[in-house]
Amino acid sequence: IIDTITPRVATTKAASVNDVTKRAEPVWDPAVHDRSWRAVWAYSVKRAARDRATLTLQENRAKAVIAGEKPARTPRFVKTVNGSTHLDEDALTRARSLAGLKGYVTNLPVTTMPAAEVIASYHSLWQVEASFRMSKTDLRARPMFHHDRDAIEAHLTIVVTALAVARHLQD
């Protein structure tokens, strides 16, 4: 797991924060790094295998476009210079070096949520998404339009309660 500070806007000051030669475990603080996000990176062997297979397919497509075997639709690793196309080896090498990495962006400081907890939270999102898929179909949910805060809070309370009861009955 790599925990970094990622600048929202590429500036020399922001770039110096992530200098590889000076890298240490950063302590992200919204007050100090107000123009940055906290990014947590995790490596997965399974994802690396899938990424390498995808990159090989993209490389083959780029080579086919350069050879004129396939119509050009601006493939990822094709570089056009002065009207001639060639394989962008630098971009391909960089993409291969990043295979297997997945990034998670958050605005929570390390003191509030450690890197492993950030990743675990993202991994549990599928349960929330499944709940809302269920709520739309099983509860016959439809858009509701409320204009004052009390009505919005009451509606959300009822919906979340109904969702919790439905999930409990499902389990």
C-alpha atoms as a PDB file:
ATOM      1  CA  ILE A   1       0.000   0.000   0.000  1.00  0.00           C
ATOM      2  CA  ILE A   2       1.345   3.415  -0.989  1.00  0.00           C
ATOM      3  CA  ASP A   3      -0.163   6.521   0.608  1.00  0.00           C
ATOM      4  CA  THR A   4       0.561   9.745  -1.294  1.00  0.00           C
ATOM      5  CA  ILE A   5      -0.568  13.306  -1.680  1.00  0.00           C
ATOM      6  CA  THR A   6      -1.769  14.036  -5.204  1.00  0.00           C
ATOM      7  CA  PRO A   7      -1.915  17.647  -6.404  1.00  0.00           C
ATOM      8  CA  ARG A   8      -5.176  18.746  -8.018  1.00  0.00           C
ATOM      9  CA  VAL A   9      -3.237  21.115 -10.272  1.00  0.00           C
ATOM     10  CA  ALA A  10       0.233  20.279 -11.563  1.00  0.00           C
ATOM     11  CA  THR A  11       2.543  22.983 -10.231  1.00  0.00           C
ATOM     12  CA  THR A  12       6.191  22.818  -9.299  1.00  0.00           C
ATOM     13  CA  LYS A  13       5.338  23.294  -5.612  1.00  0.00           C
ATOM     14  CA  ALA A  14       2.741  20.508  -5.700  1.00  0.00           C
ATOM     15  CA  ALA A  15       5.045  18.225  -7.708  1.00  0.00           C
ATOM     16  CA  SER A  16       7.782  18.561  -5.081  1.00  0.00           C
ATOM     17  CA  VAL A  17       5.441  16.993  -2.503  1.00  0.00           C
ATOM     18  CA  ASN A  18       5.626  13.655  -4.344  1.00  0.00           C
ATOM     19  CA  ASP A  19       9.330  13.748  -5.243  1.00  0.00           C
ATOM     20  CA  VAL A  20      10.344  10.075  -5.446  1.00  0.00           C
ATOM     21  CA  THR A  21      13.808  10.778  -4.043  1.00  0.00           C
ATOM     22  CA  LYS A  22      12.319  12.419  -0.933  1.00  0.00           C
ATOM     23  CA  ARG A  23       9.288  10.174  -0.529  1.00  0.00           C
ATOM     24  CA  ALA A  24       8.195   9.314   2.971  1.00  0.00           C
ATOM     25  CA  GLU A  25       4.832   8.330   4.385  1.00  0.00           C
ATOM     26  CA  PRO A  26       2.985  11.654   4.095  1.00  0.00           C
ATOM     27  CA  VAL A  27       0.581  12.947   6.669  1.00  0.00           C
ATOM     28  CA  TRP A  28      -2.181  14.500   4.595  1.00  0.00           C
ATOM     29  CA  ASP A  29      -3.828  17.452   6.264  1.00  0.00           C
ATOM     30  CA  PRO A  30      -6.565  19.418   4.457  1.00  0.00           C
ATOM     31  CA  ALA A  31      -5.380  22.640   6.100  1.00  0.00           C
ATOM     32  CA  VAL A  32      -1.779  22.221   4.896  1.00  0.00           C
ATOM     33  CA  HIS A  33      -2.516  20.553   1.546  1.00  0.00           C
ATOM     34  CA  ASP A  34      -5.649  22.490   0.621  1.00  0.00           C
ATOM     35  CA  ARG A  35      -5.016  22.076  -3.121  1.00  0.00           C
ATOM     36  CA  SER A  36      -4.348  18.328  -2.946  1.00  0.00           C
ATOM     37  CA  TRP A  37      -6.121  15.034  -2.472  1.00  0.00           C
ATOM     38  CA  ARG A  38      -4.909  11.998  -0.615  1.00  0.00           C
ATOM     39  CA  ALA A  39      -4.373   9.023  -2.910  1.00  0.00           C
ATOM     40  CA  VAL A  40      -3.909   5.472  -1.657  1.00  0.00           C
ATOM     41  CA  TRP A  41      -2.443   2.941  -4.105  1.00  0.00           C
ATOM     42  CA  ALA A  42      -2.756  -0.832  -3.760  1.00  0.00           C
ATOM     43  CA  TYR A  43      -1.118  -3.560  -5.855  1.00  0.00           C
ATOM     44  CA  SER A  44      -3.028  -6.677  -6.844  1.00  0.00           C
ATOM     45  CA  VAL A  45      -1.507  -9.690  -8.626  1.00  0.00           C
ATOM     46  CA  LYS A  46      -4.895 -10.523 -10.151  1.00  0.00           C
ATOM     47  CA  ARG A  47      -5.332  -6.961 -11.428  1.00  0.00           C
ATOM     48  CA  ALA A  48      -1.739  -6.962 -12.771  1.00  0.00           C
ATOM     49  CA  ALA A  49      -2.454 -10.072 -14.861  1.00  0.00           C
ATOM     50  CA  ARG A  50      -5.637  -8.507 -16.252  1.00  0.00           C
ATOM     51  CA  ASP A  51      -3.848  -5.192 -16.920  1.00  0.00           C
ATOM     52  CA  ARG A  52      -0.978  -6.952 -18.736  1.00  0.00           C
ATOM     53  CA  ALA A  53      -3.438  -8.863 -20.933  1.00  0.00           C
ATOM     54  CA  THR A  54      -5.301  -5.639 -21.749  1.00  0.00           C
ATOM     55  CA  LEU A  55      -2.047  -3.825 -22.535  1.00  0.00           C
ATOM     56  CA  THR A  56      -0.966  -6.644 -24.868  1.00  0.00           C
ATOM     57  CA  LEU A  57      -4.280  -6.384 -26.743  1.00  0.00           C
ATOM     58  CA  GLN A  58      -3.914  -2.590 -26.961  1.00  0.00           C
ATOM     59  CA  GLU A  59      -0.331  -2.945 -28.200  1.00  0.00           C
ATOM     60  CA  ASN A  60      -1.397  -5.453 -30.877  1.00  0.00           C
ATOM     61  CA  ARG A  61      -4.201  -3.124 -32.005  1.00  0.00           C
ATOM     62  CA  ALA A  62      -1.771  -0.197 -32.197  1.00  0.00           C
ATOM     63  CA  LYS A  63       0.656  -2.268 -34.293  1.00  0.00           C
ATOM     64  CA  ALA A  64      -2.195  -3.325 -36.605  1.00  0.00           C
ATOM     65  CA  VAL A  65      -3.242   0.312 -37.091  1.00  0.00           C
ATOM     66  CA  ILE A  66       0.353   1.341 -37.849  1.00  0.00           C
ATOM     67  CA  ALA A  67       0.691  -1.533 -40.355  1.00  0.00           C
ATOM     68  CA  GLY A  68      -2.578  -0.455 -42.004  1.00  0.00           C
ATOM     69  CA  GLU A  69      -4.402  -3.697 -41.191  1.00  0.00           C
ATOM     70  CA  LYS A  70      -7.081  -1.987 -39.073  1.00  0.00           C
ATOM     71  CA  PRO A  71      -8.818   1.355 -39.450  1.00  0.00           C
ATOM     72  CA  ALA A  72      -7.332   4.116 -37.312  1.00  0.00           C
ATOM     73  CA  ARG A  73      -9.557   5.092 -34.430  1.00  0.00           C
ATOM     74  CA  THR A  74      -6.801   6.701 -32.376  1.00  0.00           C
ATOM     75  CA  PRO A  75      -5.590   3.665 -30.440  1.00  0.00           C
ATOM     76  CA  ARG A  76      -3.895   4.270 -27.117  1.00  0.00           C
ATOM     77  CA  PHE A  77      -0.250   3.635 -28.054  1.00  0.00           C
ATOM     78  CA  VAL A  78      -0.127   5.134 -31.547  1.00  0.00           C
ATOM     79  CA  LYS A  79       1.790   8.388 -31.851  1.00  0.00           C
ATOM     80  CA  THR A  80       1.472  10.579 -34.941  1.00  0.00           C
ATOM     81  CA  VAL A  81       4.414  12.825 -35.811  1.00  0.00           C
ATOM     82  CA  ASN A  82       4.460  14.806 -39.077  1.00  0.00           C
ATOM     83  CA  GLY A  83       1.784  12.586 -40.585  1.00  0.00           C
ATOM     84  CA  SER A  84       3.557   9.286 -39.871  1.00  0.00           C
ATOM     85  CA  THR A  85       2.416   6.897 -37.154  1.00  0.00           C
ATOM     86  CA  HIS A  86       4.578   4.814 -34.877  1.00  0.00           C
ATOM     87  CA  LEU A  87       4.276   2.860 -31.643  1.00  0.00           C
ATOM     88  CA  ASP A  88       4.678   5.022 -28.523  1.00  0.00           C
ATOM     89  CA  GLU A  89       7.164   2.824 -26.654  1.00  0.00           C
ATOM     90  CA  ASP A  90       7.510   5.256 -23.722  1.00  0.00           C
ATOM     91  CA  ALA A  91       3.773   5.274 -23.014  1.00  0.00           C
ATOM     92  CA  LEU A  92       3.624   1.481 -23.319  1.00  0.00           C
ATOM     93  CA  THR A  93       6.573   1.013 -20.939  1.00  0.00           C
ATOM     94  CA  ARG A  94       5.032   3.403 -18.408  1.00  0.00           C
ATOM     95  CA  ALA A  95       1.650   1.632 -18.619  1.00  0.00           C
ATOM     96  CA  ARG A  96       3.318  -1.761 -18.095  1.00  0.00           C
ATOM     97  CA  SER A  97       5.155  -0.438 -15.024  1.00  0.00           C
ATOM     98  CA  LEU A  98       1.822   0.638 -13.500  1.00  0.00           C
ATOM     99  CA  ALA A  99       0.048  -2.673 -14.182  1.00  0.00           C
ATOM    100  CA  GLY A 100      -1.648  -3.991 -11.072  1.00  0.00           C
ATOM    101  CA  LEU A 101      -1.963  -0.665  -9.269  1.00  0.00           C
ATOM    102  CA  LYS A 102      -5.356   0.686  -8.295  1.00  0.00           C
ATOM    103  CA  GLY A 103      -5.789   4.136  -6.821  1.00  0.00           C
ATOM    104  CA  TYR A 104      -8.285   5.292  -4.226  1.00  0.00           C
ATOM    105  CA  VAL A 105      -8.796   9.034  -3.714  1.00  0.00           C
ATOM    106  CA  THR A 106     -10.091  10.456  -0.456  1.00  0.00           C
ATOM    107  CA  ASN A 107     -10.214  13.707   1.435  1.00  0.00           C
ATOM    108  CA  LEU A 108      -9.866  12.003   4.830  1.00  0.00           C
ATOM    109  CA  PRO A 109      -6.575  12.490   6.695  1.00  0.00           C
ATOM    110  CA  VAL A 110      -4.444   9.533   7.812  1.00  0.00           C
ATOM    111  CA  THR A 111      -5.392  10.237  11.436  1.00  0.00           C
ATOM    112  CA  THR A 112      -9.082   9.699  10.609  1.00  0.00           C
ATOM    113  CA  MET A 113      -8.756   6.704   8.296  1.00  0.00           C
ATOM    114  CA  PRO A 114      -5.585   4.658   7.656  1.00  0.00           C
ATOM    115  CA  ALA A 115      -4.774   3.520   4.110  1.00  0.00           C
ATOM    116  CA  ALA A 116      -5.941  -0.073   4.670  1.00  0.00           C
ATOM    117  CA  GLU A 117      -9.289   1.185   5.959  1.00  0.00           C
ATOM    118  CA  VAL A 118      -9.723   3.433   2.894  1.00  0.00           C
ATOM    119  CA  ILE A 119      -9.273   0.396   0.648  1.00  0.00           C
ATOM    120  CA  ALA A 120     -11.624  -1.737   2.771  1.00  0.00           C
ATOM    121  CA  SER A 121     -14.288   0.985   2.604  1.00  0.00           C
ATOM    122  CA  TYR A 122     -14.125   1.078  -1.181  1.00  0.00           C
ATOM    123  CA  HIS A 123     -14.307  -2.726  -1.329  1.00  0.00           C
ATOM    124  CA  SER A 124     -17.549  -2.716   0.674  1.00  0.00           C
ATOM    125  CA  LEU A 125     -19.251  -0.237  -1.679  1.00  0.00           C
ATOM    126  CA  TRP A 126     -20.742  -3.089  -3.706  1.00  0.00           C
ATOM    127  CA  GLN A 127     -23.069  -3.824  -0.774  1.00  0.00           C
ATOM    128  CA  VAL A 128     -24.354  -0.251  -0.797  1.00  0.00           C
ATOM    129  CA  GLU A 129     -24.813  -0.374  -4.572  1.00  0.00           C
ATOM    130  CA  ALA A 130     -26.651  -3.705  -4.310  1.00  0.00           C
ATOM    131  CA  SER A 131     -28.940  -2.205  -1.682  1.00  0.00           C
ATOM    132  CA  PHE A 132     -29.868   0.710  -3.887  1.00  0.00           C
ATOM    133  CA  ARG A 133     -30.456  -1.601  -6.861  1.00  0.00           C
ATOM    134  CA  MET A 134     -32.770  -3.613  -4.633  1.00  0.00           C
ATOM    135  CA  SER A 135     -34.513  -0.495  -3.360  1.00  0.00           C
ATOM    136  CA  LYS A 136     -35.327   0.713  -6.854  1.00  0.00           C
ATOM    137  CA  THR A 137     -36.937  -2.566  -7.885  1.00  0.00           C
ATOM    138  CA  ASP A 138     -38.303  -4.225  -4.750  1.00  0.00           C
ATOM    139  CA  LEU A 139     -39.462  -1.040  -3.040  1.00  0.00           C
ATOM    140  CA  ARG A 140     -40.684   0.504  -6.298  1.00  0.00           C
ATOM    141  CA  ALA A 141     -38.714   3.652  -5.571  1.00  0.00           C
ATOM    142  CA  ARG A 142     -39.271   6.703  -7.688  1.00  0.00           C
ATOM    143  CA  PRO A 143     -37.877  10.231  -7.623  1.00  0.00           C
ATOM    144  CA  MET A 144     -39.250  12.428  -4.863  1.00  0.00           C
ATOM    145  CA  PHE A 145     -38.940  16.185  -4.851  1.00  0.00           C
ATOM    146  CA  HIS A 146     -38.779  17.925  -1.489  1.00  0.00           C
ATOM    147  CA  HIS A 147     -37.921  21.548  -0.962  1.00  0.00           C
ATOM    148  CA  ASP A 148     -37.398  22.018   2.762  1.00  0.00           C
ATOM    149  CA  ARG A 149     -34.840  20.348   5.009  1.00  0.00           C
ATOM    150  CA  ASP A 150     -37.368  18.668   7.338  1.00  0.00           C
ATOM    151  CA  ALA A 151     -39.156  16.956   4.446  1.00  0.00           C
ATOM    152  CA  ILE A 152     -35.852  15.791   2.938  1.00  0.00           C
ATOM    153  CA  GLU A 153     -34.633  14.367   6.264  1.00  0.00           C
ATOM    154  CA  ALA A 154     -37.993  12.664   6.914  1.00  0.00           C
ATOM    155  CA  HIS A 155     -38.000  11.116   3.449  1.00  0.00           C
ATOM    156  CA  LEU A 156     -34.416   9.863   3.788  1.00  0.00           C
ATOM    157  CA  THR A 157     -35.178   8.411   7.221  1.00  0.00           C
ATOM    158  CA  ILE A 158     -38.160   6.484   5.853  1.00  0.00           C
ATOM    159  CA  VAL A 159     -36.241   5.235   2.802  1.00  0.00           C
ATOM    160  CA  VAL A 160     -33.192   4.098   4.779  1.00  0.00           C
ATOM    161  CA  THR A 161     -35.410   2.418   7.395  1.00  0.00           C
ATOM    162  CA  ALA A 162     -37.361   0.585   4.687  1.00  0.00           C
ATOM    163  CA  LEU A 163     -34.092  -0.420   3.051  1.00  0.00           C
ATOM    164  CA  ALA A 164     -32.701  -1.752   6.349  1.00  0.00           C
ATOM    165  CA  VAL A 165     -35.869  -3.781   6.995  1.00  0.00           C
ATOM    166  CA  ALA A 166     -35.846  -5.164   3.444  1.00  0.00           C
ATOM    167  CA  ARG A 167     -32.156  -6.132   3.733  1.00  0.00           C
ATOM    168  CA  HIS A 168     -32.809  -7.806   7.090  1.00  0.00           C
ATOM    169  CA  LEU A 169     -35.691  -9.806   5.619  1.00  0.00           C
ATOM    170  CA  GLN A 170     -33.536 -10.768   2.632  1.00  0.00           C
ATOM    171  CA  ASP A 171     -30.731 -12.112   4.826  1.00  0.00           C
END
